[in-house]
Amino acid sequence: MNAYDLFVKPYESYQTGQIFLEIAGTFFGILSVYFSIKKNIWVYPTGIVSTLIYVYILFQFGLFGDCLINVYYTAMSIYGWILWAKSSQDNIHVEVSWATAKEWLMAGLLFTASLILVTIVYYYKPFIDHQFSMEGVSLGLYHLDWANWMDVFTTSVFLAGMWLMAKRKIENWIFWIIGDLICIPMMIFKGLGITSVQYLVFTIMAVSGYVNWKKSFKEKNDVIL
């Protein structure tokens, strides 16, 4: 399979507006990660714009299960926005730190709870995608391919990462790096080539974010000492 089949052919059936919406969602997603690296609270409003665009795109394509997951991301972004607003001294920037053992435990519990919740969403996905009608629908997980199972896993990874980011913990970037790397081939498989490039950029930016947050924490503590 060549680059044309991966990144151009899937878009032949798309309307121009749908392509521009995906580009816009990608743009705001990248902008959100940039603000996150800078420890800037604008990470959340830009991230919310991105996830809401994907909610609309997925709804239009009838992918209601995936749509609900992006609603889930949007709600978590609002939660993070509130926490950062309370912790920011200048209403823009925040200080960061390493996670405690208790926070790692909480992240693990959120990861496990998300695995269960998203699996339940996929169990009912035939019903959801059939516009909430049980006519001719058989519930179960039989319809899941490898990309769907990876979706379950990455959604849980991202949820734990979003919670750690909301708590301003440096380790949040580890979760983003893992999830972003998995999402690159997954988005190509789903026919979202532009979005797969977005996740490649996200991976590079997440590595940069991890390095920058570590450096910021070290510099702050060196000054205190």
N, C-alpha and C. Protein backbone atom coordinates (compact mmCIF):
# COMPACT_ATOMS: atom_id res chain seq x y z
N MET A 1 0.85 -1.20 0.00
CA MET A 1 0.00 0.00 0.00
C MET A 1 0.88 1.25 0.00
N ASN A 2 0.63 2.18 -0.96
CA ASN A 2 1.46 3.38 -1.07
C ASN A 2 0.85 4.56 -0.33
N ALA A 3 1.56 5.71 -0.37
CA ALA A 3 1.11 6.90 0.36
C ALA A 3 -0.24 7.40 -0.16
N TYR A 4 -0.48 7.25 -1.46
CA TYR A 4 -1.77 7.69 -2.04
C TYR A 4 -2.92 6.91 -1.41
N ASP A 5 -2.76 5.59 -1.31
CA ASP A 5 -3.82 4.75 -0.73
C ASP A 5 -4.05 5.09 0.74
N LEU A 6 -2.98 5.47 1.45
CA LEU A 6 -3.09 5.74 2.87
C LEU A 6 -3.65 7.11 3.18
N PHE A 7 -3.21 8.14 2.43
CA PHE A 7 -3.51 9.52 2.82
C PHE A 7 -4.43 10.28 1.86
N VAL A 8 -4.63 9.78 0.65
CA VAL A 8 -5.44 10.52 -0.33
C VAL A 8 -6.74 9.78 -0.67
N LYS A 9 -6.62 8.52 -0.99
CA LYS A 9 -7.79 7.75 -1.44
C LYS A 9 -8.96 7.77 -0.45
N PRO A 10 -8.69 7.65 0.87
CA PRO A 10 -9.84 7.67 1.81
C PRO A 10 -10.66 8.95 1.74
N TYR A 11 -10.04 10.05 1.25
CA TYR A 11 -10.73 11.35 1.24
C TYR A 11 -11.49 11.62 -0.06
N GLU A 12 -11.41 10.68 -1.02
CA GLU A 12 -12.08 10.90 -2.30
C GLU A 12 -13.59 11.00 -2.16
N SER A 13 -14.13 10.32 -1.15
CA SER A 13 -15.59 10.35 -0.94
C SER A 13 -16.01 11.43 0.06
N TYR A 14 -15.04 12.17 0.62
CA TYR A 14 -15.35 13.20 1.61
C TYR A 14 -15.78 14.48 0.92
N GLN A 15 -16.64 15.23 1.58
CA GLN A 15 -16.97 16.57 1.12
C GLN A 15 -15.86 17.52 1.54
N THR A 16 -15.72 18.63 0.80
CA THR A 16 -14.66 19.61 1.10
C THR A 16 -14.76 20.11 2.53
N GLY A 17 -15.98 20.37 2.99
CA GLY A 17 -16.19 20.87 4.35
C GLY A 17 -15.70 19.89 5.40
N GLN A 18 -15.90 18.58 5.14
CA GLN A 18 -15.47 17.56 6.10
C GLN A 18 -13.94 17.51 6.20
N ILE A 19 -13.27 17.69 5.06
CA ILE A 19 -11.81 17.69 5.05
C ILE A 19 -11.28 18.90 5.83
N PHE A 20 -11.88 20.07 5.60
CA PHE A 20 -11.43 21.27 6.29
C PHE A 20 -11.71 21.17 7.79
N LEU A 21 -12.81 20.52 8.16
CA LEU A 21 -13.10 20.33 9.58
C LEU A 21 -12.04 19.45 10.24
N GLU A 22 -11.63 18.38 9.55
CA GLU A 22 -10.60 17.51 10.12
C GLU A 22 -9.28 18.27 10.25
N ILE A 23 -8.97 19.11 9.25
CA ILE A 23 -7.76 19.93 9.31
C ILE A 23 -7.84 20.89 10.50
N ALA A 24 -9.03 21.49 10.70
CA ALA A 24 -9.22 22.42 11.82
C ALA A 24 -9.07 21.70 13.15
N GLY A 25 -9.65 20.50 13.25
CA GLY A 25 -9.53 19.72 14.48
C GLY A 25 -8.08 19.38 14.77
N THR A 26 -7.33 19.05 13.71
CA THR A 26 -5.91 18.76 13.85
C THR A 26 -5.14 19.99 14.30
N PHE A 27 -5.44 21.14 13.70
CA PHE A 27 -4.76 22.40 14.04
C PHE A 27 -4.95 22.75 15.51
N PHE A 28 -6.21 22.70 15.97
CA PHE A 28 -6.47 23.05 17.37
C PHE A 28 -5.90 22.01 18.32
N GLY A 29 -5.84 20.74 17.88
CA GLY A 29 -5.23 19.71 18.71
C GLY A 29 -3.75 19.96 18.91
N ILE A 30 -3.05 20.30 17.83
CA ILE A 30 -1.62 20.61 17.91
C ILE A 30 -1.39 21.86 18.75
N LEU A 31 -2.26 22.87 18.56
CA LEU A 31 -2.16 24.10 19.33
C LEU A 31 -2.33 23.81 20.82
N SER A 32 -3.24 22.91 21.13
CA SER A 32 -3.48 22.53 22.52
C SER A 32 -2.24 21.91 23.16
N VAL A 33 -1.58 21.00 22.42
CA VAL A 33 -0.37 20.37 22.95
C VAL A 33 0.74 21.41 23.12
N TYR A 34 0.83 22.35 22.19
CA TYR A 34 1.83 23.42 22.30
C TYR A 34 1.64 24.20 23.60
N PHE A 35 0.38 24.58 23.90
CA PHE A 35 0.10 25.31 25.13
C PHE A 35 0.39 24.46 26.36
N SER A 36 0.15 23.15 26.25
CA SER A 36 0.44 22.25 27.36
C SER A 36 1.93 22.23 27.67
N ILE A 37 2.76 22.17 26.62
CA ILE A 37 4.21 22.20 26.80
C ILE A 37 4.63 23.46 27.55
N LYS A 38 3.96 24.58 27.23
CA LYS A 38 4.28 25.87 27.83
C LYS A 38 3.64 26.05 29.21
N LYS A 39 2.93 25.00 29.68
CA LYS A 39 2.20 25.06 30.96
C LYS A 39 1.21 26.22 30.97
N ASN A 40 0.58 26.43 29.83
CA ASN A 40 -0.34 27.54 29.62
C ASN A 40 -1.78 27.03 29.63
N ILE A 41 -2.64 27.68 30.38
CA ILE A 41 -4.01 27.22 30.57
C ILE A 41 -4.82 27.15 29.27
N TRP A 42 -4.31 27.82 28.21
CA TRP A 42 -5.00 27.77 26.92
C TRP A 42 -4.97 26.36 26.31
N VAL A 43 -4.23 25.45 26.93
CA VAL A 43 -4.27 24.05 26.51
C VAL A 43 -5.71 23.54 26.49
N TYR A 44 -6.51 23.99 27.43
CA TYR A 44 -7.87 23.44 27.56
C TYR A 44 -8.89 24.02 26.58
N PRO A 45 -9.02 25.36 26.44
CA PRO A 45 -9.99 25.84 25.46
C PRO A 45 -9.68 25.39 24.03
N THR A 46 -8.38 25.37 23.67
CA THR A 46 -8.04 24.92 22.31
C THR A 46 -8.30 23.42 22.17
N GLY A 47 -8.01 22.66 23.23
CA GLY A 47 -8.27 21.22 23.20
C GLY A 47 -9.76 20.91 23.10
N ILE A 48 -10.56 21.69 23.79
CA ILE A 48 -12.02 21.48 23.74
C ILE A 48 -12.55 21.75 22.34
N VAL A 49 -12.04 22.81 21.68
CA VAL A 49 -12.45 23.09 20.30
C VAL A 49 -12.14 21.88 19.41
N SER A 50 -10.92 21.33 19.58
CA SER A 50 -10.51 20.17 18.78
C SER A 50 -11.43 18.97 19.01
N THR A 51 -11.68 18.63 20.27
CA THR A 51 -12.51 17.44 20.54
C THR A 51 -13.96 17.64 20.10
N LEU A 52 -14.46 18.86 20.21
CA LEU A 52 -15.83 19.13 19.76
C LEU A 52 -15.95 19.00 18.25
N ILE A 53 -14.91 19.42 17.54
CA ILE A 53 -14.91 19.24 16.08
C ILE A 53 -14.96 17.76 15.74
N TYR A 54 -14.19 16.94 16.47
CA TYR A 54 -14.20 15.51 16.21
C TYR A 54 -15.53 14.86 16.64
N VAL A 55 -16.15 15.40 17.67
CA VAL A 55 -17.49 14.93 18.03
C VAL A 55 -18.43 15.11 16.84
N TYR A 56 -18.38 16.28 16.22
CA TYR A 56 -19.25 16.57 15.07
C TYR A 56 -18.91 15.67 13.87
N ILE A 57 -17.60 15.54 13.56
CA ILE A 57 -17.19 14.72 12.42
C ILE A 57 -17.65 13.27 12.60
N LEU A 58 -17.39 12.71 13.77
CA LEU A 58 -17.74 11.32 14.03
C LEU A 58 -19.26 11.11 14.04
N PHE A 59 -19.99 12.11 14.53
CA PHE A 59 -21.45 12.03 14.51
C PHE A 59 -21.96 12.01 13.07
N GLN A 60 -21.38 12.88 12.22
CA GLN A 60 -21.78 12.94 10.82
C GLN A 60 -21.52 11.63 10.09
N PHE A 61 -20.46 10.93 10.48
CA PHE A 61 -20.13 9.66 9.85
C PHE A 61 -20.88 8.48 10.48
N GLY A 62 -21.71 8.80 11.49
CA GLY A 62 -22.48 7.75 12.15
C GLY A 62 -21.68 6.90 13.10
N LEU A 63 -20.48 7.36 13.48
CA LEU A 63 -19.64 6.62 14.41
C LEU A 63 -19.95 7.09 15.83
N PHE A 64 -21.14 6.70 16.30
CA PHE A 64 -21.63 7.25 17.56
C PHE A 64 -20.83 6.79 18.77
N GLY A 65 -20.29 5.57 18.71
CA GLY A 65 -19.46 5.09 19.82
C GLY A 65 -18.22 5.94 19.97
N ASP A 66 -17.51 6.16 18.85
CA ASP A 66 -16.32 7.02 18.86
C ASP A 66 -16.68 8.45 19.23
N CYS A 67 -17.85 8.88 18.79
CA CYS A 67 -18.33 10.23 19.11
C CYS A 67 -18.49 10.40 20.62
N LEU A 68 -19.07 9.41 21.28
CA LEU A 68 -19.27 9.48 22.73
C LEU A 68 -17.94 9.52 23.48
N ILE A 69 -16.93 8.83 22.95
CA ILE A 69 -15.62 8.84 23.57
C ILE A 69 -15.02 10.24 23.52
N ASN A 70 -15.24 10.96 22.41
CA ASN A 70 -14.73 12.33 22.31
C ASN A 70 -15.52 13.29 23.19
N VAL A 71 -16.79 13.00 23.44
CA VAL A 71 -17.56 13.77 24.42
C VAL A 71 -16.91 13.59 25.80
N TYR A 72 -16.50 12.37 26.07
CA TYR A 72 -15.79 11.98 27.29
C TYR A 72 -14.51 12.80 27.45
N TYR A 73 -13.73 12.90 26.36
CA TYR A 73 -12.50 13.72 26.38
C TYR A 73 -12.82 15.18 26.67
N THR A 74 -13.90 15.68 26.07
CA THR A 74 -14.29 17.08 26.26
C THR A 74 -14.61 17.36 27.73
N ALA A 75 -15.35 16.43 28.35
CA ALA A 75 -15.70 16.59 29.76
C ALA A 75 -14.46 16.60 30.64
N MET A 76 -13.48 15.72 30.33
CA MET A 76 -12.24 15.68 31.10
C MET A 76 -11.44 16.98 30.92
N SER A 77 -11.51 17.56 29.72
CA SER A 77 -10.81 18.82 29.46
C SER A 77 -11.40 19.96 30.29
N ILE A 78 -12.72 19.96 30.43
CA ILE A 78 -13.38 20.98 31.25
C ILE A 78 -12.94 20.84 32.71
N TYR A 79 -12.85 19.59 33.17
CA TYR A 79 -12.38 19.31 34.54
C TYR A 79 -10.95 19.83 34.73
N GLY A 80 -10.08 19.55 33.77
CA GLY A 80 -8.70 20.01 33.85
C GLY A 80 -8.60 21.52 33.82
N TRP A 81 -9.42 22.16 33.01
CA TRP A 81 -9.44 23.62 32.91
C TRP A 81 -9.76 24.25 34.26
N ILE A 82 -10.75 23.68 34.94
CA ILE A 82 -11.15 24.19 36.26
C ILE A 82 -10.00 24.06 37.26
N LEU A 83 -9.33 22.89 37.27
CA LEU A 83 -8.22 22.67 38.21
C LEU A 83 -7.05 23.61 37.92
N TRP A 84 -6.71 23.79 36.65
CA TRP A 84 -5.60 24.69 36.31
C TRP A 84 -5.93 26.13 36.66
N ALA A 85 -7.19 26.52 36.45
CA ALA A 85 -7.59 27.90 36.78
C ALA A 85 -7.45 28.16 38.27
N LYS A 86 -7.73 27.16 39.10
CA LYS A 86 -7.61 27.31 40.55
C LYS A 86 -6.15 27.34 41.00
N SER A 87 -5.26 26.69 40.20
CA SER A 87 -3.86 26.57 40.61
C SER A 87 -2.95 27.63 40.02
N SER A 88 -3.45 28.39 39.07
CA SER A 88 -2.60 29.37 38.39
C SER A 88 -2.56 30.69 39.16
N GLN A 89 -1.35 31.18 39.35
CA GLN A 89 -1.20 32.45 40.08
C GLN A 89 -1.43 33.66 39.17
N ASP A 90 -1.12 33.51 37.87
CA ASP A 90 -1.32 34.63 36.94
C ASP A 90 -2.47 34.38 35.97
N ASN A 91 -3.29 33.34 36.27
CA ASN A 91 -4.43 32.94 35.44
C ASN A 91 -4.01 32.41 34.07
N ILE A 92 -2.71 32.17 33.87
CA ILE A 92 -2.23 31.66 32.59
C ILE A 92 -1.35 30.42 32.77
N HIS A 93 -0.32 30.53 33.62
CA HIS A 93 0.66 29.47 33.77
C HIS A 93 0.53 28.74 35.11
N VAL A 94 1.01 27.50 35.13
CA VAL A 94 0.97 26.70 36.36
C VAL A 94 2.35 26.10 36.63
N GLU A 95 2.56 25.68 37.89
CA GLU A 95 3.78 24.97 38.26
C GLU A 95 3.52 23.47 38.19
N VAL A 96 4.57 22.69 37.95
CA VAL A 96 4.41 21.24 37.79
C VAL A 96 5.24 20.49 38.82
N SER A 97 4.91 19.20 38.99
CA SER A 97 5.64 18.36 39.96
C SER A 97 5.51 16.90 39.55
N TRP A 98 6.25 16.02 40.25
CA TRP A 98 6.15 14.58 40.01
C TRP A 98 4.96 14.02 40.78
N ALA A 99 4.39 12.96 40.27
CA ALA A 99 3.24 12.32 40.92
C ALA A 99 3.67 11.56 42.17
N THR A 100 2.81 11.56 43.18
CA THR A 100 3.04 10.78 44.38
C THR A 100 2.53 9.36 44.17
N ALA A 101 2.85 8.47 45.11
CA ALA A 101 2.38 7.08 45.01
C ALA A 101 0.85 7.03 45.00
N LYS A 102 0.22 7.90 45.80
CA LYS A 102 -1.24 7.95 45.85
C LYS A 102 -1.82 8.39 44.51
N GLU A 103 -1.17 9.33 43.85
CA GLU A 103 -1.64 9.81 42.54
C GLU A 103 -1.44 8.76 41.46
N TRP A 104 -0.35 7.99 41.55
CA TRP A 104 -0.15 6.88 40.62
C TRP A 104 -1.25 5.83 40.79
N LEU A 105 -1.62 5.57 42.03
CA LEU A 105 -2.69 4.61 42.31
C LEU A 105 -4.01 5.10 41.70
N MET A 106 -4.28 6.39 41.87
CA MET A 106 -5.50 6.96 41.31
C MET A 106 -5.51 6.88 39.79
N ALA A 107 -4.35 7.15 39.18
CA ALA A 107 -4.24 7.06 37.72
C ALA A 107 -4.51 5.63 37.26
N GLY A 108 -3.99 4.66 38.03
CA GLY A 108 -4.22 3.26 37.70
C GLY A 108 -5.69 2.87 37.81
N LEU A 109 -6.36 3.38 38.84
CA LEU A 109 -7.78 3.10 39.02
C LEU A 109 -8.61 3.72 37.89
N LEU A 110 -8.25 4.94 37.49
CA LEU A 110 -8.94 5.59 36.38
C LEU A 110 -8.73 4.82 35.08
N PHE A 111 -7.51 4.32 34.88
CA PHE A 111 -7.21 3.53 33.69
C PHE A 111 -8.08 2.28 33.65
N THR A 112 -8.17 1.58 34.78
CA THR A 112 -8.97 0.35 34.86
C THR A 112 -10.45 0.65 34.67
N ALA A 113 -10.94 1.70 35.33
CA ALA A 113 -12.36 2.07 35.20
C ALA A 113 -12.69 2.44 33.76
N SER A 114 -11.75 3.12 33.10
CA SER A 114 -11.96 3.51 31.70
C SER A 114 -12.01 2.29 30.79
N LEU A 115 -11.12 1.31 31.05
CA LEU A 115 -11.15 0.07 30.25
C LEU A 115 -12.54 -0.57 30.31
N ILE A 116 -13.10 -0.61 31.51
CA ILE A 116 -14.43 -1.22 31.70
C ILE A 116 -15.50 -0.39 31.00
N LEU A 117 -15.46 0.94 31.23
CA LEU A 117 -16.48 1.82 30.67
C LEU A 117 -16.47 1.82 29.15
N VAL A 118 -15.30 1.95 28.55
CA VAL A 118 -15.21 2.01 27.08
C VAL A 118 -15.57 0.65 26.47
N THR A 119 -15.23 -0.44 27.14
CA THR A 119 -15.64 -1.76 26.66
C THR A 119 -17.16 -1.88 26.65
N ILE A 120 -17.80 -1.33 27.68
CA ILE A 120 -19.27 -1.33 27.73
C ILE A 120 -19.85 -0.51 26.58
N VAL A 121 -19.22 0.66 26.32
CA VAL A 121 -19.67 1.50 25.19
C VAL A 121 -19.59 0.71 23.89
N TYR A 122 -18.49 -0.02 23.69
CA TYR A 122 -18.34 -0.81 22.47
C TYR A 122 -19.30 -1.99 22.44
N TYR A 123 -19.63 -2.52 23.61
CA TYR A 123 -20.62 -3.62 23.66
C TYR A 123 -21.97 -3.14 23.10
N TYR A 124 -22.32 -1.90 23.45
CA TYR A 124 -23.59 -1.34 22.98
C TYR A 124 -23.45 -0.55 21.68
N LYS A 125 -22.24 -0.56 21.09
CA LYS A 125 -21.98 0.23 19.88
C LYS A 125 -22.93 -0.11 18.72
N PRO A 126 -23.26 -1.40 18.46
CA PRO A 126 -24.20 -1.69 17.38
C PRO A 126 -25.55 -0.98 17.60
N PHE A 127 -26.00 -0.93 18.85
CA PHE A 127 -27.25 -0.24 19.21
C PHE A 127 -27.10 1.27 19.03
N ILE A 128 -25.95 1.82 19.47
CA ILE A 128 -25.71 3.26 19.35
C ILE A 128 -25.59 3.68 17.89
N ASP A 129 -24.79 2.91 17.11
CA ASP A 129 -24.57 3.24 15.71
C ASP A 129 -25.82 3.03 14.85
N HIS A 130 -26.77 2.24 15.37
CA HIS A 130 -28.04 2.01 14.66
C HIS A 130 -29.08 3.04 15.10
N GLN A 131 -28.57 4.21 15.51
CA GLN A 131 -29.42 5.32 15.96
C GLN A 131 -30.33 4.91 17.11
N PHE A 132 -29.73 4.18 18.06
CA PHE A 132 -30.39 3.78 19.31
C PHE A 132 -31.66 2.97 19.06
N SER A 133 -31.54 2.10 18.07
CA SER A 133 -32.65 1.18 17.75
C SER A 133 -32.12 -0.25 17.85
N MET A 134 -32.92 -1.15 18.45
CA MET A 134 -32.51 -2.54 18.59
C MET A 134 -32.98 -3.40 17.42
N GLU A 135 -33.64 -2.79 16.45
CA GLU A 135 -34.16 -3.54 15.31
C GLU A 135 -33.02 -4.13 14.49
N GLY A 136 -32.95 -5.43 14.44
CA GLY A 136 -31.92 -6.11 13.66
C GLY A 136 -30.53 -6.00 14.25
N VAL A 137 -30.43 -5.64 15.52
CA VAL A 137 -29.14 -5.42 16.16
C VAL A 137 -28.84 -6.54 17.16
N SER A 138 -27.62 -7.00 17.15
CA SER A 138 -27.17 -8.00 18.12
C SER A 138 -26.03 -7.39 18.93
N LEU A 139 -26.22 -7.29 20.23
CA LEU A 139 -25.21 -6.69 21.09
C LEU A 139 -24.04 -7.65 21.31
N GLY A 140 -22.87 -7.08 21.60
CA GLY A 140 -21.70 -7.90 21.88
C GLY A 140 -20.43 -7.20 21.45
N LEU A 141 -19.33 -7.93 21.56
CA LEU A 141 -18.03 -7.39 21.17
C LEU A 141 -17.50 -8.06 19.90
N TYR A 142 -18.35 -8.83 19.25
CA TYR A 142 -17.96 -9.59 18.06
C TYR A 142 -17.52 -8.68 16.91
N HIS A 143 -18.03 -7.45 16.90
CA HIS A 143 -17.79 -6.55 15.77
C HIS A 143 -16.47 -5.79 15.88
N LEU A 144 -15.77 -5.95 16.99
CA LEU A 144 -14.54 -5.19 17.20
C LEU A 144 -13.37 -5.77 16.40
N ASP A 145 -12.64 -4.88 15.71
CA ASP A 145 -11.39 -5.28 15.07
C ASP A 145 -10.24 -4.82 15.95
N TRP A 146 -9.02 -5.03 15.48
CA TRP A 146 -7.84 -4.68 16.32
C TRP A 146 -7.81 -3.19 16.65
N ALA A 147 -8.26 -2.35 15.69
CA ALA A 147 -8.25 -0.90 15.91
C ALA A 147 -9.22 -0.51 17.02
N ASN A 148 -10.37 -1.19 17.08
CA ASN A 148 -11.33 -0.91 18.15
C ASN A 148 -10.77 -1.28 19.52
N TRP A 149 -10.10 -2.43 19.60
CA TRP A 149 -9.51 -2.83 20.88
C TRP A 149 -8.38 -1.88 21.28
N MET A 150 -7.63 -1.40 20.29
CA MET A 150 -6.60 -0.40 20.57
C MET A 150 -7.24 0.90 21.03
N ASP A 151 -8.43 1.20 20.48
CA ASP A 151 -9.19 2.38 20.90
C ASP A 151 -9.54 2.29 22.38
N VAL A 152 -9.98 1.10 22.80
CA VAL A 152 -10.31 0.88 24.22
C VAL A 152 -9.08 1.17 25.08
N PHE A 153 -7.94 0.64 24.66
CA PHE A 153 -6.70 0.79 25.42
C PHE A 153 -6.23 2.25 25.43
N THR A 154 -6.17 2.87 24.24
CA THR A 154 -5.64 4.23 24.17
C THR A 154 -6.55 5.24 24.86
N THR A 155 -7.87 5.02 24.79
CA THR A 155 -8.78 5.90 25.50
C THR A 155 -8.48 5.88 27.00
N SER A 156 -8.19 4.70 27.52
CA SER A 156 -7.87 4.55 28.94
C SER A 156 -6.51 5.17 29.27
N VAL A 157 -5.55 5.00 28.37
CA VAL A 157 -4.23 5.62 28.54
C VAL A 157 -4.37 7.14 28.57
N PHE A 158 -5.16 7.67 27.61
CA PHE A 158 -5.34 9.12 27.52
C PHE A 158 -6.10 9.67 28.72
N LEU A 159 -7.06 8.90 29.23
CA LEU A 159 -7.80 9.38 30.40
C LEU A 159 -6.86 9.53 31.59
N ALA A 160 -6.02 8.52 31.81
CA ALA A 160 -5.05 8.60 32.92
C ALA A 160 -4.10 9.77 32.68
N GLY A 161 -3.68 9.96 31.42
CA GLY A 161 -2.81 11.08 31.09
C GLY A 161 -3.48 12.41 31.31
N MET A 162 -4.76 12.51 30.93
CA MET A 162 -5.49 13.77 31.11
C MET A 162 -5.65 14.11 32.59
N TRP A 163 -5.88 13.07 33.41
CA TRP A 163 -6.02 13.31 34.84
C TRP A 163 -4.70 13.79 35.44
N LEU A 164 -3.61 13.14 35.05
CA LEU A 164 -2.30 13.56 35.56
C LEU A 164 -1.93 14.96 35.06
N MET A 165 -2.34 15.29 33.83
CA MET A 165 -2.09 16.64 33.32
C MET A 165 -2.92 17.66 34.09
N ALA A 166 -4.18 17.31 34.39
CA ALA A 166 -5.03 18.20 35.17
C ALA A 166 -4.42 18.46 36.55
N LYS A 167 -3.73 17.44 37.10
CA LYS A 167 -3.06 17.57 38.39
C LYS A 167 -1.65 18.16 38.24
N ARG A 168 -1.27 18.47 37.00
CA ARG A 168 0.01 19.12 36.67
C ARG A 168 1.19 18.23 37.03
N LYS A 169 1.07 16.93 36.71
CA LYS A 169 2.12 15.97 37.00
C LYS A 169 2.95 15.67 35.75
N ILE A 170 4.26 15.66 35.91
CA ILE A 170 5.18 15.49 34.78
C ILE A 170 4.93 14.18 34.05
N GLU A 171 4.57 13.14 34.79
CA GLU A 171 4.39 11.81 34.17
C GLU A 171 3.26 11.76 33.16
N ASN A 172 2.40 12.77 33.11
CA ASN A 172 1.30 12.74 32.14
C ASN A 172 1.82 12.56 30.72
N TRP A 173 3.02 13.10 30.45
CA TRP A 173 3.58 13.02 29.09
C TRP A 173 3.91 11.59 28.69
N ILE A 174 4.25 10.74 29.64
CA ILE A 174 4.55 9.34 29.33
C ILE A 174 3.31 8.67 28.74
N PHE A 175 2.16 8.96 29.33
CA PHE A 175 0.90 8.39 28.84
C PHE A 175 0.57 8.90 27.44
N TRP A 176 0.81 10.20 27.21
CA TRP A 176 0.53 10.76 25.89
C TRP A 176 1.44 10.15 24.83
N ILE A 177 2.71 9.94 25.16
CA ILE A 177 3.66 9.36 24.20
C ILE A 177 3.21 7.96 23.80
N ILE A 178 2.86 7.14 24.79
CA ILE A 178 2.41 5.76 24.51
C ILE A 178 1.15 5.76 23.65
N GLY A 179 0.15 6.56 24.06
CA GLY A 179 -1.12 6.61 23.33
C GLY A 179 -0.96 7.15 21.93
N ASP A 180 -0.17 8.21 21.77
CA ASP A 180 0.02 8.82 20.45
C ASP A 180 0.70 7.86 19.48
N LEU A 181 1.70 7.12 19.95
CA LEU A 181 2.39 6.16 19.09
C LEU A 181 1.44 5.08 18.58
N ILE A 182 0.55 4.63 19.45
CA ILE A 182 -0.43 3.61 19.04
C ILE A 182 -1.43 4.17 18.05
N CYS A 183 -1.81 5.45 18.23
CA CYS A 183 -2.84 6.06 17.40
C CYS A 183 -2.41 6.33 15.96
N ILE A 184 -1.11 6.42 15.71
CA ILE A 184 -0.64 6.70 14.34
C ILE A 184 -1.14 5.63 13.35
N PRO A 185 -0.81 4.34 13.56
CA PRO A 185 -1.32 3.33 12.62
C PRO A 185 -2.82 3.13 12.72
N MET A 186 -3.37 3.35 13.91
CA MET A 186 -4.81 3.15 14.12
C MET A 186 -5.63 4.12 13.28
N MET A 187 -5.19 5.40 13.20
CA MET A 187 -5.92 6.40 12.43
C MET A 187 -5.78 6.17 10.93
N ILE A 188 -4.62 5.66 10.51
CA ILE A 188 -4.44 5.31 9.10
C ILE A 188 -5.43 4.20 8.73
N PHE A 189 -5.56 3.21 9.62
CA PHE A 189 -6.48 2.10 9.40
C PHE A 189 -7.93 2.59 9.30
N LYS A 190 -8.27 3.63 10.07
CA LYS A 190 -9.63 4.17 10.06
C LYS A 190 -9.88 5.12 8.89
N GLY A 191 -8.85 5.37 8.07
CA GLY A 191 -9.01 6.26 6.92
C GLY A 191 -8.89 7.72 7.26
N LEU A 192 -8.30 8.03 8.41
CA LEU A 192 -8.11 9.42 8.84
C LEU A 192 -6.62 9.76 8.76
N GLY A 193 -6.12 9.90 7.52
CA GLY A 193 -4.70 10.13 7.30
C GLY A 193 -4.21 11.42 7.92
N ILE A 194 -5.01 12.49 7.79
CA ILE A 194 -4.61 13.78 8.37
C ILE A 194 -4.45 13.65 9.88
N THR A 195 -5.38 12.93 10.50
CA THR A 195 -5.32 12.75 11.95
C THR A 195 -4.13 11.89 12.36
N SER A 196 -3.75 10.93 11.51
CA SER A 196 -2.56 10.11 11.83
C SER A 196 -1.30 10.96 11.85
N VAL A 197 -1.22 11.93 10.94
CA VAL A 197 -0.08 12.86 10.93
C VAL A 197 -0.11 13.71 12.20
N GLN A 198 -1.33 14.09 12.62
CA GLN A 198 -1.48 14.85 13.86
C GLN A 198 -0.87 14.09 15.03
N TYR A 199 -1.14 12.78 15.10
CA TYR A 199 -0.61 11.98 16.22
C TYR A 199 0.90 11.81 16.14
N LEU A 200 1.46 11.82 14.92
CA LEU A 200 2.91 11.80 14.78
C LEU A 200 3.51 13.08 15.36
N VAL A 201 2.88 14.21 15.02
CA VAL A 201 3.31 15.50 15.57
C VAL A 201 3.13 15.51 17.09
N PHE A 202 2.00 14.96 17.55
CA PHE A 202 1.74 14.87 18.99
C PHE A 202 2.85 14.11 19.71
N THR A 203 3.30 13.01 19.11
CA THR A 203 4.34 12.19 19.74
C THR A 203 5.62 13.01 19.94
N ILE A 204 6.02 13.71 18.88
CA ILE A 204 7.23 14.54 18.95
C ILE A 204 7.05 15.64 20.01
N MET A 205 5.87 16.27 20.01
CA MET A 205 5.61 17.34 20.97
C MET A 205 5.53 16.81 22.39
N ALA A 206 5.00 15.59 22.56
CA ALA A 206 4.90 15.01 23.91
C ALA A 206 6.28 14.74 24.50
N VAL A 207 7.21 14.27 23.66
CA VAL A 207 8.59 14.07 24.12
C VAL A 207 9.18 15.42 24.55
N SER A 208 8.92 16.45 23.74
CA SER A 208 9.40 17.80 24.07
C SER A 208 8.76 18.29 25.36
N GLY A 209 7.47 18.01 25.54
CA GLY A 209 6.77 18.43 26.75
C GLY A 209 7.34 17.78 27.99
N TYR A 210 7.65 16.48 27.89
CA TYR A 210 8.24 15.76 29.03
C TYR A 210 9.58 16.37 29.42
N VAL A 211 10.41 16.65 28.42
CA VAL A 211 11.72 17.24 28.67
C VAL A 211 11.58 18.63 29.28
N ASN A 212 10.67 19.44 28.74
CA ASN A 212 10.48 20.81 29.22
C ASN A 212 9.92 20.87 30.63
N TRP A 213 8.95 19.99 30.95
CA TRP A 213 8.37 20.00 32.29
C TRP A 213 9.40 19.53 33.32
N LYS A 214 10.20 18.52 32.97
CA LYS A 214 11.27 18.07 33.87
C LYS A 214 12.27 19.20 34.12
N LYS A 215 12.65 19.90 33.07
CA LYS A 215 13.60 21.00 33.18
C LYS A 215 13.04 22.12 34.05
N SER A 216 11.74 22.44 33.83
CA SER A 216 11.09 23.50 34.61
C SER A 216 11.06 23.16 36.08
N PHE A 217 10.74 21.91 36.41
CA PHE A 217 10.68 21.47 37.81
C PHE A 217 12.06 21.53 38.45
N LYS A 218 13.08 21.07 37.72
CA LYS A 218 14.45 21.08 38.25
C LYS A 218 14.94 22.51 38.49
N GLU A 219 14.66 23.41 37.54
CA GLU A 219 15.10 24.80 37.68
C GLU A 219 14.44 25.46 38.89
N LYS A 220 13.16 25.17 39.08
CA LYS A 220 12.43 25.76 40.20
C LYS A 220 13.02 25.29 41.52
N ASN A 221 13.30 24.01 41.62
CA ASN A 221 13.82 23.44 42.87
C ASN A 221 15.28 23.83 43.11
N ASP A 222 16.04 24.03 42.04
CA ASP A 222 17.42 24.51 42.19
C ASP A 222 17.44 25.91 42.76
N VAL A 223 16.46 26.74 42.35
CA VAL A 223 16.36 28.10 42.85
C VAL A 223 16.01 28.10 44.34
N ILE A 224 15.07 27.19 44.71
CA ILE A 224 14.65 27.08 46.12
C ILE A 224 15.81 26.64 47.00
N LEU A 225 16.61 25.67 46.48
CA LEU A 225 17.76 25.16 47.24
C LEU A 225 18.87 26.22 47.32
